[in-house]
Amino acid sequence: MATTAELLAANLHGVFGERDADRRRATADAIYTDDVRFVDPEETVVGVDAVVAKAAGLLDGAPGFVFTDDGPAYSAGERAALAWRFGPAGAEPVARGIDVLTVVDGRIAEVLTLLA
């Protein structure tokens, strides 16, 4: 069973930061519940397919951009959080945020993304 730190990293880098569609999907299938909810200021989507599509759309609209951790991972019980930056590799980020995960039975049941 993955630790919350591993789940945070897999969500950010293995799904939302992964440009290869097959690897992104494999990671998503491994870390999310079937009915995972992704909530951000734009919308709420439900299900692995919807989260994978959200990640693909974000990456497709930002070629050359990368996600980087912006501090340590935090966790308590079924909750975990990680701050991140998003922008061109090696340049100032264009966005910053925090992902707050809810973990159920070792898998991510919800991702709440808060933007700076």
PDB file of N, CA and C in Angstrom:
ATOM      1  N   MET A   1       0.847  -1.181   0.000  1.00  0.00           N
ATOM      2  CA  MET A   1       0.000   0.000   0.000  1.00  0.00           C
ATOM      3  C   MET A   1       0.892   1.244   0.000  1.00  0.00           C
ATOM      4  N   ALA A   2       0.572   2.192  -0.841  1.00  0.00           N
ATOM      5  CA  ALA A   2       1.366   3.418  -0.970  1.00  0.00           C
ATOM      6  C   ALA A   2       1.176   4.320   0.243  1.00  0.00           C
ATOM      7  N   THR A   3       2.226   5.043   0.584  1.00  0.00           N
ATOM      8  CA  THR A   3       2.128   6.038   1.646  1.00  0.00           C
ATOM      9  C   THR A   3       1.435   7.284   1.090  1.00  0.00           C
ATOM     10  N   THR A   4       1.002   8.160   1.985  1.00  0.00           N
ATOM     11  CA  THR A   4       0.373   9.395   1.505  1.00  0.00           C
ATOM     12  C   THR A   4       1.374  10.243   0.723  1.00  0.00           C
ATOM     13  N   ALA A   5       2.631  10.246   1.118  1.00  0.00           N
ATOM     14  CA  ALA A   5       3.652  11.001   0.373  1.00  0.00           C
ATOM     15  C   ALA A   5       3.802  10.437  -1.039  1.00  0.00           C
ATOM     16  N   GLU A   6       3.764   9.122  -1.177  1.00  0.00           N
ATOM     17  CA  GLU A   6       3.853   8.495  -2.497  1.00  0.00           C
ATOM     18  C   GLU A   6       2.623   8.821  -3.345  1.00  0.00           C
ATOM     19  N   LEU A   7       1.452   8.834  -2.723  1.00  0.00           N
ATOM     20  CA  LEU A   7       0.230   9.178  -3.447  1.00  0.00           C
ATOM     21  C   LEU A   7       0.243  10.634  -3.905  1.00  0.00           C
ATOM     22  N   LEU A   8       0.712  11.529  -3.053  1.00  0.00           N
ATOM     23  CA  LEU A   8       0.832  12.941  -3.435  1.00  0.00           C
ATOM     24  C   LEU A   8       1.743  13.095  -4.653  1.00  0.00           C
ATOM     25  N   ALA A   9       2.892  12.439  -4.606  1.00  0.00           N
ATOM     26  CA  ALA A   9       3.849  12.527  -5.714  1.00  0.00           C
ATOM     27  C   ALA A   9       3.280  11.905  -6.984  1.00  0.00           C
ATOM     28  N   ALA A  10       2.611  10.775  -6.857  1.00  0.00           N
ATOM     29  CA  ALA A  10       2.042  10.112  -8.027  1.00  0.00           C
ATOM     30  C   ALA A  10       0.934  10.957  -8.648  1.00  0.00           C
ATOM     31  N   ASN A  11       0.108  11.594  -7.829  1.00  0.00           N
ATOM     32  CA  ASN A  11      -0.948  12.458  -8.349  1.00  0.00           C
ATOM     33  C   ASN A  11      -0.345  13.636  -9.117  1.00  0.00           C
ATOM     34  N   LEU A  12       0.616  14.315  -8.506  1.00  0.00           N
ATOM     35  CA  LEU A  12       1.183  15.510  -9.125  1.00  0.00           C
ATOM     36  C   LEU A  12       2.057  15.182 -10.330  1.00  0.00           C
ATOM     37  N   HIS A  13       2.973  14.250 -10.166  1.00  0.00           N
ATOM     38  CA  HIS A  13       3.957  13.979 -11.215  1.00  0.00           C
ATOM     39  C   HIS A  13       3.547  12.838 -12.158  1.00  0.00           C
ATOM     40  N   GLY A  14       2.906  11.809 -11.607  1.00  0.00           N
ATOM     41  CA  GLY A  14       2.561  10.648 -12.409  1.00  0.00           C
ATOM     42  C   GLY A  14       1.272  10.787 -13.193  1.00  0.00           C
ATOM     43  N   VAL A  15       0.399  11.715 -12.770  1.00  0.00           N
ATOM     44  CA  VAL A  15      -0.841  11.958 -13.507  1.00  0.00           C
ATOM     45  C   VAL A  15      -0.814  13.357 -14.106  1.00  0.00           C
ATOM     46  N   PHE A  16      -0.813  14.377 -13.264  1.00  0.00           N
ATOM     47  CA  PHE A  16      -0.930  15.744 -13.782  1.00  0.00           C
ATOM     48  C   PHE A  16       0.340  16.242 -14.461  1.00  0.00           C
ATOM     49  N   GLY A  17       1.474  15.667 -14.152  1.00  0.00           N
ATOM     50  CA  GLY A  17       2.708  16.082 -14.792  1.00  0.00           C
ATOM     51  C   GLY A  17       3.213  15.135 -15.868  1.00  0.00           C
ATOM     52  N   GLU A  18       2.512  14.041 -16.082  1.00  0.00           N
ATOM     53  CA  GLU A  18       2.970  13.013 -17.030  1.00  0.00           C
ATOM     54  C   GLU A  18       2.395  13.266 -18.424  1.00  0.00           C
ATOM     55  N   ARG A  19       3.276  13.489 -19.380  1.00  0.00           N
ATOM     56  CA  ARG A  19       2.835  13.785 -20.753  1.00  0.00           C
ATOM     57  C   ARG A  19       2.557  12.535 -21.587  1.00  0.00           C
ATOM     58  N   ASP A  20       3.066  11.391 -21.190  1.00  0.00           N
ATOM     59  CA  ASP A  20       2.785  10.149 -21.905  1.00  0.00           C
ATOM     60  C   ASP A  20       1.422   9.614 -21.441  1.00  0.00           C
ATOM     61  N   ALA A  21       0.480   9.511 -22.370  1.00  0.00           N
ATOM     62  CA  ALA A  21      -0.893   9.135 -22.031  1.00  0.00           C
ATOM     63  C   ALA A  21      -0.999   7.749 -21.404  1.00  0.00           C
ATOM     64  N   ASP A  22      -0.216   6.792 -21.886  1.00  0.00           N
ATOM     65  CA  ASP A  22      -0.287   5.435 -21.340  1.00  0.00           C
ATOM     66  C   ASP A  22       0.239   5.383 -19.912  1.00  0.00           C
ATOM     67  N   ARG A  23       1.355   6.055 -19.651  1.00  0.00           N
ATOM     68  CA  ARG A  23       1.892   6.086 -18.277  1.00  0.00           C
ATOM     69  C   ARG A  23       0.955   6.842 -17.348  1.00  0.00           C
ATOM     70  N   ARG A  24       0.380   7.954 -17.846  1.00  0.00           N
ATOM     71  CA  ARG A  24      -0.569   8.737 -17.028  1.00  0.00           C
ATOM     72  C   ARG A  24      -1.745   7.854 -16.615  1.00  0.00           C
ATOM     73  N   ARG A  25      -2.296   7.126 -17.572  1.00  0.00           N
ATOM     74  CA  ARG A  25      -3.452   6.280 -17.292  1.00  0.00           C
ATOM     75  C   ARG A  25      -3.104   5.156 -16.327  1.00  0.00           C
ATOM     76  N   ALA A  26      -1.951   4.529 -16.516  1.00  0.00           N
ATOM     77  CA  ALA A  26      -1.543   3.437 -15.623  1.00  0.00           C
ATOM     78  C   ALA A  26      -1.395   3.933 -14.191  1.00  0.00           C
ATOM     79  N   THR A  27      -0.810   5.104 -14.027  1.00  0.00           N
ATOM     80  CA  THR A  27      -0.667   5.663 -12.679  1.00  0.00           C
ATOM     81  C   THR A  27      -2.034   5.985 -12.101  1.00  0.00           C
ATOM     82  N   ALA A  28      -2.904   6.602 -12.888  1.00  0.00           N
ATOM     83  CA  ALA A  28      -4.246   6.944 -12.409  1.00  0.00           C
ATOM     84  C   ALA A  28      -5.000   5.700 -11.954  1.00  0.00           C
ATOM     85  N   ASP A  29      -4.940   4.635 -12.748  1.00  0.00           N
ATOM     86  CA  ASP A  29      -5.626   3.400 -12.374  1.00  0.00           C
ATOM     87  C   ASP A  29      -5.093   2.823 -11.067  1.00  0.00           C
ATOM     88  N   ALA A  30      -3.809   3.043 -10.806  1.00  0.00           N
ATOM     89  CA  ALA A  30      -3.184   2.489  -9.603  1.00  0.00           C
ATOM     90  C   ALA A  30      -3.467   3.300  -8.344  1.00  0.00           C
ATOM     91  N   ILE A  31      -3.713   4.607  -8.486  1.00  0.00           N
ATOM     92  CA  ILE A  31      -3.788   5.443  -7.272  1.00  0.00           C
ATOM     93  C   ILE A  31      -5.176   5.974  -6.930  1.00  0.00           C
ATOM     94  N   TYR A  32      -6.099   6.009  -7.883  1.00  0.00           N
ATOM     95  CA  TYR A  32      -7.421   6.590  -7.625  1.00  0.00           C
ATOM     96  C   TYR A  32      -8.477   5.519  -7.408  1.00  0.00           C
ATOM     97  N   THR A  33      -9.489   5.867  -6.597  1.00  0.00           N
ATOM     98  CA  THR A  33     -10.689   5.039  -6.534  1.00  0.00           C
ATOM     99  C   THR A  33     -11.445   5.228  -7.848  1.00  0.00           C
ATOM    100  N   ASP A  34     -12.320   4.298  -8.183  1.00  0.00           N
ATOM    101  CA  ASP A  34     -13.074   4.398  -9.440  1.00  0.00           C
ATOM    102  C   ASP A  34     -13.904   5.678  -9.508  1.00  0.00           C
ATOM    103  N   ASP A  35     -14.411   6.108  -8.356  1.00  0.00           N
ATOM    104  CA  ASP A  35     -15.272   7.292  -8.305  1.00  0.00           C
ATOM    105  C   ASP A  35     -14.552   8.522  -7.752  1.00  0.00           C
ATOM    106  N   VAL A  36     -13.254   8.605  -7.972  1.00  0.00           N
ATOM    107  CA  VAL A  36     -12.462   9.737  -7.479  1.00  0.00           C
ATOM    108  C   VAL A  36     -13.112  11.050  -7.907  1.00  0.00           C
ATOM    109  N   ARG A  37     -13.056  12.038  -6.998  1.00  0.00           N
ATOM    110  CA  ARG A  37     -13.548  13.393  -7.303  1.00  0.00           C
ATOM    111  C   ARG A  37     -12.355  14.327  -7.376  1.00  0.00           C
ATOM    112  N   PHE A  38     -12.332  15.152  -8.416  1.00  0.00           N
ATOM    113  CA  PHE A  38     -11.319  16.192  -8.551  1.00  0.00           C
ATOM    114  C   PHE A  38     -12.057  17.527  -8.523  1.00  0.00           C
ATOM    115  N   VAL A  39     -11.673  18.375  -7.574  1.00  0.00           N
ATOM    116  CA  VAL A  39     -12.337  19.657  -7.379  1.00  0.00           C
ATOM    117  C   VAL A  39     -11.298  20.762  -7.487  1.00  0.00           C
ATOM    118  N   ASP A  40     -11.548  21.724  -8.383  1.00  0.00           N
ATOM    119  CA  ASP A  40     -10.726  22.927  -8.455  1.00  0.00           C
ATOM    120  C   ASP A  40     -11.665  24.116  -8.681  1.00  0.00           C
ATOM    121  N   PRO A  41     -11.139  25.341  -8.716  1.00  0.00           N
ATOM    122  CA  PRO A  41     -12.030  26.492  -8.875  1.00  0.00           C
ATOM    123  C   PRO A  41     -12.827  26.485 -10.189  1.00  0.00           C
ATOM    124  N   GLU A  42     -12.361  25.736 -11.172  1.00  0.00           N
ATOM    125  CA  GLU A  42     -13.001  25.666 -12.477  1.00  0.00           C
ATOM    126  C   GLU A  42     -14.215  24.743 -12.507  1.00  0.00           C
ATOM    127  N   GLU A  43     -14.057  23.566 -11.878  1.00  0.00           N
ATOM    128  CA  GLU A  43     -15.099  22.546 -11.983  1.00  0.00           C
ATOM    129  C   GLU A  43     -14.829  21.393 -11.024  1.00  0.00           C
ATOM    130  N   THR A  44     -15.805  20.512 -10.946  1.00  0.00           N
ATOM    131  CA  THR A  44     -15.659  19.240 -10.247  1.00  0.00           C
ATOM    132  C   THR A  44     -15.887  18.140 -11.274  1.00  0.00           C
ATOM    133  N   VAL A  45     -14.951  17.193 -11.336  1.00  0.00           N
ATOM    134  CA  VAL A  45     -15.118  16.044 -12.219  1.00  0.00           C
ATOM    135  C   VAL A  45     -15.060  14.783 -11.370  1.00  0.00           C
ATOM    136  N   VAL A  46     -15.731  13.737 -11.844  1.00  0.00           N
ATOM    137  CA  VAL A  46     -15.819  12.491 -11.086  1.00  0.00           C
ATOM    138  C   VAL A  46     -15.430  11.327 -11.983  1.00  0.00           C
ATOM    139  N   GLY A  47     -14.585  10.461 -11.445  1.00  0.00           N
ATOM    140  CA  GLY A  47     -14.178   9.249 -12.141  1.00  0.00           C
ATOM    141  C   GLY A  47     -12.767   9.363 -12.705  1.00  0.00           C
ATOM    142  N   VAL A  48     -12.126   8.227 -12.832  1.00  0.00           N
ATOM    143  CA  VAL A  48     -10.748   8.181 -13.315  1.00  0.00           C
ATOM    144  C   VAL A  48     -10.647   8.758 -14.723  1.00  0.00           C
ATOM    145  N   ASP A  49     -11.580   8.396 -15.604  1.00  0.00           N
ATOM    146  CA  ASP A  49     -11.534   8.921 -16.972  1.00  0.00           C
ATOM    147  C   ASP A  49     -11.565  10.446 -16.982  1.00  0.00           C
ATOM    148  N   ALA A  50     -12.421  11.031 -16.162  1.00  0.00           N
ATOM    149  CA  ALA A  50     -12.554  12.489 -16.120  1.00  0.00           C
ATOM    150  C   ALA A  50     -11.299  13.160 -15.566  1.00  0.00           C
ATOM    151  N   VAL A  51     -10.678  12.558 -14.561  1.00  0.00           N
ATOM    152  CA  VAL A  51      -9.453  13.138 -13.993  1.00  0.00           C
ATOM    153  C   VAL A  51      -8.307  13.040 -15.006  1.00  0.00           C
ATOM    154  N   VAL A  52      -8.198  11.918 -15.671  1.00  0.00           N
ATOM    155  CA  VAL A  52      -7.152  11.749 -16.694  1.00  0.00           C
ATOM    156  C   VAL A  52      -7.364  12.765 -17.821  1.00  0.00           C
ATOM    157  N   ALA A  53      -8.607  12.967 -18.228  1.00  0.00           N
ATOM    158  CA  ALA A  53      -8.897  13.958 -19.274  1.00  0.00           C
ATOM    159  C   ALA A  53      -8.566  15.368 -18.802  1.00  0.00           C
ATOM    160  N   LYS A  54      -8.830  15.665 -17.545  1.00  0.00           N
ATOM    161  CA  LYS A  54      -8.498  16.976 -16.981  1.00  0.00           C
ATOM    162  C   LYS A  54      -6.988  17.197 -17.045  1.00  0.00           C
ATOM    163  N   ALA A  55      -6.218  16.210 -16.635  1.00  0.00           N
ATOM    164  CA  ALA A  55      -4.753  16.319 -16.666  1.00  0.00           C
ATOM    165  C   ALA A  55      -4.251  16.482 -18.095  1.00  0.00           C
ATOM    166  N   ALA A  56      -4.789  15.703 -19.014  1.00  0.00           N
ATOM    167  CA  ALA A  56      -4.364  15.781 -20.413  1.00  0.00           C
ATOM    168  C   ALA A  56      -4.655  17.160 -20.993  1.00  0.00           C
ATOM    169  N   GLY A  57      -5.824  17.701 -20.707  1.00  0.00           N
ATOM    170  CA  GLY A  57      -6.184  19.026 -21.202  1.00  0.00           C
ATOM    171  C   GLY A  57      -5.278  20.112 -20.669  1.00  0.00           C
ATOM    172  N   LEU A  58      -4.936  20.007 -19.403  1.00  0.00           N
ATOM    173  CA  LEU A  58      -4.036  20.983 -18.791  1.00  0.00           C
ATOM    174  C   LEU A  58      -2.663  20.937 -19.455  1.00  0.00           C
ATOM    175  N   LEU A  59      -2.125  19.742 -19.618  1.00  0.00           N
ATOM    176  CA  LEU A  59      -0.800  19.600 -20.219  1.00  0.00           C
ATOM    177  C   LEU A  59      -0.796  19.972 -21.696  1.00  0.00           C
ATOM    178  N   ASP A  60      -1.836  19.610 -22.409  1.00  0.00           N
ATOM    179  CA  ASP A  60      -1.915  19.947 -23.833  1.00  0.00           C
ATOM    180  C   ASP A  60      -1.945  21.457 -24.041  1.00  0.00           C
ATOM    181  N   GLY A  61      -2.528  22.175 -23.096  1.00  0.00           N
ATOM    182  CA  GLY A  61      -2.615  23.626 -23.207  1.00  0.00           C
ATOM    183  C   GLY A  61      -1.387  24.368 -22.716  1.00  0.00           C
ATOM    184  N   ALA A  62      -0.397  23.645 -22.222  1.00  0.00           N
ATOM    185  CA  ALA A  62       0.790  24.284 -21.653  1.00  0.00           C
ATOM    186  C   ALA A  62       2.053  23.511 -22.026  1.00  0.00           C
ATOM    187  N   PRO A  63       2.400  23.477 -23.315  1.00  0.00           N
ATOM    188  CA  PRO A  63       3.610  22.746 -23.713  1.00  0.00           C
ATOM    189  C   PRO A  63       4.853  23.330 -23.051  1.00  0.00           C
ATOM    190  N   GLY A  64       5.720  22.446 -22.586  1.00  0.00           N
ATOM    191  CA  GLY A  64       6.954  22.881 -21.948  1.00  0.00           C
ATOM    192  C   GLY A  64       6.810  23.239 -20.479  1.00  0.00           C
ATOM    193  N   PHE A  65       5.588  23.250 -19.956  1.00  0.00           N
ATOM    194  CA  PHE A  65       5.375  23.549 -18.545  1.00  0.00           C
ATOM    195  C   PHE A  65       5.557  22.269 -17.729  1.00  0.00           C
ATOM    196  N   VAL A  66       6.010  22.435 -16.488  1.00  0.00           N
ATOM    197  CA  VAL A  66       6.211  21.308 -15.583  1.00  0.00           C
ATOM    198  C   VAL A  66       5.675  21.653 -14.197  1.00  0.00           C
ATOM    199  N   PHE A  67       5.296  20.618 -13.470  1.00  0.00           N
ATOM    200  CA  PHE A  67       4.930  20.759 -12.062  1.00  0.00           C
ATOM    201  C   PHE A  67       6.161  20.489 -11.218  1.00  0.00           C
ATOM    202  N   THR A  68       6.359  21.292 -10.179  1.00  0.00           N
ATOM    203  CA  THR A  68       7.412  21.035  -9.205  1.00  0.00           C
ATOM    204  C   THR A  68       6.828  21.180  -7.811  1.00  0.00           C
ATOM    205  N   ASP A  69       7.336  20.378  -6.887  1.00  0.00           N
ATOM    206  CA  ASP A  69       6.921  20.498  -5.488  1.00  0.00           C
ATOM    207  C   ASP A  69       7.334  21.869  -4.968  1.00  0.00           C
ATOM    208  N   ASP A  70       6.532  22.411  -4.067  1.00  0.00           N
ATOM    209  CA  ASP A  70       6.815  23.723  -3.490  1.00  0.00           C
ATOM    210  C   ASP A  70       6.803  23.622  -1.967  1.00  0.00           C
ATOM    211  N   GLY A  71       7.511  22.636  -1.473  1.00  0.00           N
ATOM    212  CA  GLY A  71       7.582  22.420  -0.026  1.00  0.00           C
ATOM    213  C   GLY A  71       7.369  20.963   0.287  1.00  0.00           C
ATOM    214  N   PRO A  72       7.324  20.653   1.583  1.00  0.00           N
ATOM    215  CA  PRO A  72       7.183  19.253   1.996  1.00  0.00           C
ATOM    216  C   PRO A  72       5.747  18.761   1.845  1.00  0.00           C
ATOM    217  N   ALA A  73       5.599  17.451   1.888  1.00  0.00           N
ATOM    218  CA  ALA A  73       4.276  16.825   1.938  1.00  0.00           C
ATOM    219  C   ALA A  73       3.808  16.821   3.392  1.00  0.00           C
ATOM    220  N   TYR A  74       2.512  17.026   3.574  1.00  0.00           N
ATOM    221  CA  TYR A  74       1.902  17.004   4.904  1.00  0.00           C
ATOM    222  C   TYR A  74       0.835  15.926   4.922  1.00  0.00           C
ATOM    223  N   SER A  75       0.657  15.282   6.067  1.00  0.00           N
ATOM    224  CA  SER A  75      -0.409  14.289   6.157  1.00  0.00           C
ATOM    225  C   SER A  75      -0.885  14.134   7.590  1.00  0.00           C
ATOM    226  N   ALA A  76      -2.149  13.768   7.711  1.00  0.00           N
ATOM    227  CA  ALA A  76      -2.767  13.470   9.003  1.00  0.00           C
ATOM    228  C   ALA A  76      -3.960  12.571   8.729  1.00  0.00           C
ATOM    229  N   GLY A  77      -3.868  11.343   9.195  1.00  0.00           N
ATOM    230  CA  GLY A  77      -4.971  10.413   8.981  1.00  0.00           C
ATOM    231  C   GLY A  77      -5.215  10.182   7.505  1.00  0.00           C
ATOM    232  N   GLU A  78      -6.462  10.428   7.067  1.00  0.00           N
ATOM    233  CA  GLU A  78      -6.824  10.183   5.671  1.00  0.00           C
ATOM    234  C   GLU A  78      -6.608  11.400   4.778  1.00  0.00           C
ATOM    235  N   ARG A  79      -6.007  12.457   5.304  1.00  0.00           N
ATOM    236  CA  ARG A  79      -5.762  13.671   4.521  1.00  0.00           C
ATOM    237  C   ARG A  79      -4.264  13.865   4.294  1.00  0.00           C
ATOM    238  N   ALA A  80      -3.943  14.429   3.124  1.00  0.00           N
ATOM    239  CA  ALA A  80      -2.548  14.741   2.796  1.00  0.00           C
ATOM    240  C   ALA A  80      -2.542  15.974   1.901  1.00  0.00           C
ATOM    241  N   ALA A  81      -1.473  16.762   1.972  1.00  0.00           N
ATOM    242  CA  ALA A  81      -1.401  17.997   1.182  1.00  0.00           C
ATOM    243  C   ALA A  81       0.010  18.216   0.659  1.00  0.00           C
ATOM    244  N   LEU A  82       0.077  18.847  -0.523  1.00  0.00           N
ATOM    245  CA  LEU A  82       1.345  19.179  -1.146  1.00  0.00           C
ATOM    246  C   LEU A  82       1.174  20.465  -1.950  1.00  0.00           C
ATOM    247  N   ALA A  83       2.038  21.438  -1.685  1.00  0.00           N
ATOM    248  CA  ALA A  83       2.047  22.664  -2.483  1.00  0.00           C
ATOM    249  C   ALA A  83       2.878  22.419  -3.736  1.00  0.00           C
ATOM    250  N   TRP A  84       2.515  23.118  -4.819  1.00  0.00           N
ATOM    251  CA  TRP A  84       3.206  22.921  -6.092  1.00  0.00           C
ATOM    252  C   TRP A  84       3.282  24.230  -6.866  1.00  0.00           C
ATOM    253  N   ARG A  85       4.165  24.208  -7.872  1.00  0.00           N
ATOM    254  CA  ARG A  85       4.311  25.309  -8.838  1.00  0.00           C
ATOM    255  C   ARG A  85       4.146  24.714 -10.233  1.00  0.00           C
ATOM    256  N   PHE A  86       3.665  25.541 -11.179  1.00  0.00           N
ATOM    257  CA  PHE A  86       3.475  25.090 -12.553  1.00  0.00           C
ATOM    258  C   PHE A  86       3.922  26.204 -13.486  1.00  0.00           C
ATOM    259  N   GLY A  87       4.819  25.865 -14.396  1.00  0.00           N
ATOM    260  CA  GLY A  87       5.300  26.853 -15.345  1.00  0.00           C
ATOM    261  C   GLY A  87       6.366  26.275 -16.242  1.00  0.00           C
ATOM    262  N   PRO A  88       6.954  27.129 -17.080  1.00  0.00           N
ATOM    263  CA  PRO A  88       8.006  26.669 -17.981  1.00  0.00           C
ATOM    264  C   PRO A  88       9.194  26.116 -17.184  1.00  0.00           C
ATOM    265  N   ALA A  89       9.780  25.044 -17.680  1.00  0.00           N
ATOM    266  CA  ALA A  89      10.936  24.438 -17.015  1.00  0.00           C
ATOM    267  C   ALA A  89      12.030  25.490 -16.834  1.00  0.00           C
ATOM    268  N   GLY A  90      12.519  25.639 -15.612  1.00  0.00           N
ATOM    269  CA  GLY A  90      13.616  26.545 -15.320  1.00  0.00           C
ATOM    270  C   GLY A  90      13.240  28.011 -15.220  1.00  0.00           C
ATOM    271  N   ALA A  91      11.961  28.333 -15.271  1.00  0.00           N
ATOM    272  CA  ALA A  91      11.519  29.727 -15.209  1.00  0.00           C
ATOM    273  C   ALA A  91      10.554  29.911 -14.034  1.00  0.00           C
ATOM    274  N   GLU A  92      10.169  31.147 -13.811  1.00  0.00           N
ATOM    275  CA  GLU A  92       9.203  31.442 -12.760  1.00  0.00           C
ATOM    276  C   GLU A  92       7.864  30.763 -13.073  1.00  0.00           C
ATOM    277  N   PRO A  93       7.181  30.254 -12.055  1.00  0.00           N
ATOM    278  CA  PRO A  93       5.895  29.590 -12.298  1.00  0.00           C
ATOM    279  C   PRO A  93       4.821  30.601 -12.708  1.00  0.00           C
ATOM    280  N   VAL A  94       3.859  30.118 -13.459  1.00  0.00           N
ATOM    281  CA  VAL A  94       2.704  30.942 -13.817  1.00  0.00           C
ATOM    282  C   VAL A  94       1.526  30.650 -12.890  1.00  0.00           C
ATOM    283  N   ALA A  95       1.616  29.531 -12.146  1.00  0.00           N
ATOM    284  CA  ALA A  95       0.559  29.172 -11.205  1.00  0.00           C
ATOM    285  C   ALA A  95       1.176  28.460 -10.007  1.00  0.00           C
ATOM    286  N   ARG A  96       0.529  28.651  -8.873  1.00  0.00           N
ATOM    287  CA  ARG A  96       0.889  27.946  -7.643  1.00  0.00           C
ATOM    288  C   ARG A  96      -0.390  27.429  -7.017  1.00  0.00           C
ATOM    289  N   GLY A  97      -0.256  26.315  -6.320  1.00  0.00           N
ATOM    290  CA  GLY A  97      -1.436  25.772  -5.665  1.00  0.00           C
ATOM    291  C   GLY A  97      -1.074  24.744  -4.624  1.00  0.00           C
ATOM    292  N   ILE A  98      -2.106  24.183  -4.044  1.00  0.00           N
ATOM    293  CA  ILE A  98      -1.967  23.117  -3.053  1.00  0.00           C
ATOM    294  C   ILE A  98      -2.994  22.047  -3.392  1.00  0.00           C
ATOM    295  N   ASP A  99      -2.545  20.804  -3.439  1.00  0.00           N
ATOM    296  CA  ASP A  99      -3.460  19.677  -3.590  1.00  0.00           C
ATOM    297  C   ASP A  99      -3.694  19.067  -2.223  1.00  0.00           C
ATOM    298  N   VAL A 100      -4.951  18.895  -1.871  1.00  0.00           N
ATOM    299  CA  VAL A 100      -5.336  18.238  -0.625  1.00  0.00           C
ATOM    300  C   VAL A 100      -6.047  16.941  -1.012  1.00  0.00           C
ATOM    301  N   LEU A 101      -5.488  15.831  -0.606  1.00  0.00           N
ATOM    302  CA  LEU A 101      -6.038  14.525  -0.943  1.00  0.00           C
ATOM    303  C   LEU A 101      -6.828  13.946   0.216  1.00  0.00           C
ATOM    304  N   THR A 102      -7.866  13.197  -0.142  1.00  0.00           N
ATOM    305  CA  THR A 102      -8.544  12.328   0.813  1.00  0.00           C
ATOM    306  C   THR A 102      -8.245  10.905   0.359  1.00  0.00           C
ATOM    307  N   VAL A 103      -7.681  10.120   1.259  1.00  0.00           N
ATOM    308  CA  VAL A 103      -7.255   8.759   0.944  1.00  0.00           C
ATOM    309  C   VAL A 103      -8.175   7.775   1.668  1.00  0.00           C
ATOM    310  N   VAL A 104      -8.697   6.813   0.916  1.00  0.00           N
ATOM    311  CA  VAL A 104      -9.559   5.779   1.468  1.00  0.00           C
ATOM    312  C   VAL A 104      -9.005   4.420   1.047  1.00  0.00           C
ATOM    313  N   ASP A 105      -8.703   3.593   2.027  1.00  0.00           N
ATOM    314  CA  ASP A 105      -8.175   2.250   1.756  1.00  0.00           C
ATOM    315  C   ASP A 105      -6.964   2.281   0.833  1.00  0.00           C
ATOM    316  N   GLY A 106      -6.073   3.256   1.050  1.00  0.00           N
ATOM    317  CA  GLY A 106      -4.822   3.320   0.315  1.00  0.00           C
ATOM    318  C   GLY A 106      -4.910   3.906  -1.080  1.00  0.00           C
ATOM    319  N   ARG A 107      -6.079   4.459  -1.449  1.00  0.00           N
ATOM    320  CA  ARG A 107      -6.247   5.066  -2.775  1.00  0.00           C
ATOM    321  C   ARG A 107      -6.844   6.459  -2.620  1.00  0.00           C
ATOM    322  N   ILE A 108      -6.602   7.301  -3.605  1.00  0.00           N
ATOM    323  CA  ILE A 108      -7.097   8.678  -3.560  1.00  0.00           C
ATOM    324  C   ILE A 108      -8.575   8.698  -3.948  1.00  0.00           C
ATOM    325  N   ALA A 109      -9.405   9.178  -3.020  1.00  0.00           N
ATOM    326  CA  ALA A 109     -10.840   9.287  -3.266  1.00  0.00           C
ATOM    327  C   ALA A 109     -11.229  10.707  -3.687  1.00  0.00           C
ATOM    328  N   GLU A 110     -10.416  11.695  -3.287  1.00  0.00           N
ATOM    329  CA  GLU A 110     -10.697  13.078  -3.686  1.00  0.00           C
ATOM    330  C   GLU A 110      -9.411  13.874  -3.754  1.00  0.00           C
ATOM    331  N   VAL A 111      -9.354  14.751  -4.757  1.00  0.00           N
ATOM    332  CA  VAL A 111      -8.278  15.737  -4.882  1.00  0.00           C
ATOM    333  C   VAL A 111      -8.949  17.095  -4.885  1.00  0.00           C
ATOM    334  N   LEU A 112      -8.611  17.913  -3.905  1.00  0.00           N
ATOM    335  CA  LEU A 112      -9.078  19.289  -3.840  1.00  0.00           C
ATOM    336  C   LEU A 112      -7.891  20.164  -4.161  1.00  0.00           C
ATOM    337  N   THR A 113      -7.976  20.932  -5.256  1.00  0.00           N
ATOM    338  CA  THR A 113      -6.887  21.794  -5.666  1.00  0.00           C
ATOM    339  C   THR A 113      -7.234  23.237  -5.342  1.00  0.00           C
ATOM    340  N   LEU A 114      -6.387  23.852  -4.519  1.00  0.00           N
ATOM    341  CA  LEU A 114      -6.549  25.252  -4.146  1.00  0.00           C
ATOM    342  C   LEU A 114      -5.479  26.048  -4.885  1.00  0.00           C
ATOM    343  N   LEU A 115      -5.873  27.137  -5.506  1.00  0.00           N
ATOM    344  CA  LEU A 115      -4.927  27.957  -6.283  1.00  0.00           C
ATOM    345  C   LEU A 115      -4.587  29.231  -5.525  1.00  0.00           C
ATOM    346  N   ALA A 116      -3.343  29.669  -5.714  1.00  0.00           N
ATOM    347  CA  ALA A 116      -2.894  30.900  -5.067  1.00  0.00           C
ATOM    348  C   ALA A 116      -3.384  32.092  -5.857  1.00  0.00           C
TER     349      ALA A 116
END
